[in-house]
Amino acid sequence: MKHVIWTDKNGWKHHSLVENDSDRPELGLPCDPPPVEALDWEEIKKEINNLLVDKGLYSLKDIYGENSGILSVAGSVINKKLLALYKRQEVEK
C-alpha cells in the first residue's frame, strides 16, 4: 500500500491508501481529514462577529491599532471548530 494525494474533478484534494499498482486513487482507502462541509459556517460567522465587537474592532483603523488581535479572532474560532470536527471523526471510527 502507498499513500497518494490526488485532486478530484471539483478541485478538492484527497489522501488515499492504494495498492502499489493502482492508477485509481479514488477507489483506495480514504484517509482524508474530516469534511469541512460539516462546519457550521453561519455559527462561525456569528462567533467571529461577536469577537470583533468584544475586541472593539469596528474599523480599519481599529484593526491596524497596536495589539488589535485581528488574526487571533478568526483563528481562535476556526481552530476550535476544526478541533471539534477532528474529535467527532475520531469518536465515529
Protein backbone atom coordinates (compact mmCIF):
# COMPACT_ATOMS: atom_id res chain seq x y z
CA MET A 1 0.00 0.00 0.00
CA LYS A 2 1.15 3.52 -0.70
CA HIS A 3 -0.11 6.99 0.18
CA VAL A 4 -1.43 9.07 -2.70
CA ILE A 5 -2.60 12.68 -2.67
CA TRP A 6 -4.96 13.41 -5.53
CA THR A 7 -7.41 16.09 -6.65
CA ASP A 8 -10.98 15.34 -7.67
CA LYS A 9 -12.82 16.96 -10.58
CA ASN A 10 -14.12 19.72 -8.29
CA GLY A 11 -10.64 20.72 -7.13
CA TRP A 12 -10.78 19.08 -3.66
CA LYS A 13 -7.58 17.35 -2.59
CA HIS A 14 -7.78 13.87 -1.07
CA HIS A 15 -5.43 11.42 0.59
CA SER A 16 -5.89 7.69 -0.08
CA LEU A 17 -4.07 4.44 0.54
CA VAL A 18 -3.86 2.43 -2.68
CA GLU A 19 -2.36 -0.79 -3.90
CA ASN A 20 1.08 -0.06 -5.36
CA ASP A 21 -0.09 -0.63 -8.93
CA SER A 22 -3.41 1.25 -8.75
CA ASP A 23 -3.97 4.24 -11.01
CA ARG A 24 -7.43 4.92 -9.47
CA PRO A 25 -6.76 6.66 -6.14
CA GLU A 26 -10.47 7.45 -5.73
CA LEU A 27 -11.02 3.70 -5.21
CA GLY A 28 -8.38 3.47 -2.49
CA LEU A 29 -8.85 3.61 1.27
CA PRO A 30 -9.76 7.22 2.10
CA CYS A 31 -7.52 8.93 4.66
CA ASP A 32 -8.93 12.45 4.34
CA PRO A 33 -9.29 14.94 7.15
CA PRO A 34 -12.84 15.44 8.42
CA PRO A 35 -15.09 17.11 5.84
CA VAL A 36 -15.03 20.89 6.29
CA GLU A 37 -18.53 20.98 4.79
CA ALA A 38 -19.66 19.73 8.20
CA LEU A 39 -18.60 23.03 9.78
CA ASP A 40 -21.47 25.32 10.71
CA TRP A 41 -20.34 28.40 8.77
CA GLU A 42 -23.27 30.51 9.99
CA GLU A 43 -22.24 29.83 13.59
CA ILE A 44 -18.60 30.59 12.75
CA LYS A 45 -19.56 33.92 11.18
CA LYS A 46 -21.63 34.82 14.25
CA GLU A 47 -18.78 33.93 16.63
CA ILE A 48 -16.27 35.96 14.61
CA ASN A 49 -18.63 38.93 14.54
CA ASN A 50 -19.17 38.74 18.29
CA LEU A 51 -15.43 38.54 19.00
CA LEU A 52 -14.79 41.55 16.72
CA VAL A 53 -17.38 43.52 18.68
CA ASP A 54 -15.97 42.32 22.03
CA LYS A 55 -12.48 43.45 20.98
CA GLY A 56 -13.76 46.80 19.69
CA LEU A 57 -12.58 46.16 16.13
CA TYR A 58 -15.06 48.25 14.17
CA SER A 59 -12.92 49.96 11.50
CA LEU A 60 -9.72 49.60 9.51
CA LYS A 61 -8.10 52.00 11.96
CA ASP A 62 -9.04 49.66 14.83
CA ILE A 63 -7.51 46.58 13.25
CA TYR A 64 -4.27 48.39 12.47
CA GLY A 65 -4.02 49.55 16.05
CA GLU A 66 -1.46 48.13 18.40
CA ASN A 67 -2.42 44.65 19.68
CA SER A 68 -5.71 44.56 17.78
CA GLY A 69 -5.67 40.77 17.74
CA ILE A 70 -7.44 40.59 14.38
CA LEU A 71 -5.65 37.38 13.42
CA SER A 72 -6.47 35.69 16.70
CA VAL A 73 -10.18 36.38 16.27
CA ALA A 74 -10.77 34.25 13.19
CA GLY A 75 -8.05 31.78 14.13
CA SER A 76 -9.48 31.04 17.55
CA VAL A 77 -12.96 30.38 16.19
CA ILE A 78 -11.79 28.22 13.28
CA ASN A 79 -9.31 26.28 15.44
CA LYS A 80 -11.99 25.46 18.00
CA LYS A 81 -14.43 24.27 15.33
CA LEU A 82 -11.82 22.21 13.45
CA LEU A 83 -10.67 20.55 16.67
CA ALA A 84 -14.27 19.58 17.44
CA LEU A 85 -14.62 18.18 13.91
CA TYR A 86 -11.49 16.02 14.31
CA LYS A 87 -12.69 14.79 17.72
CA ARG A 88 -16.09 13.89 16.28
CA GLN A 89 -14.39 11.97 13.45
CA GLU A 90 -12.29 10.05 15.97
CA VAL A 91 -15.35 9.06 18.00
CA GLU A 92 -17.15 7.87 14.87
CA LYS A 93 -14.30 5.50 13.90
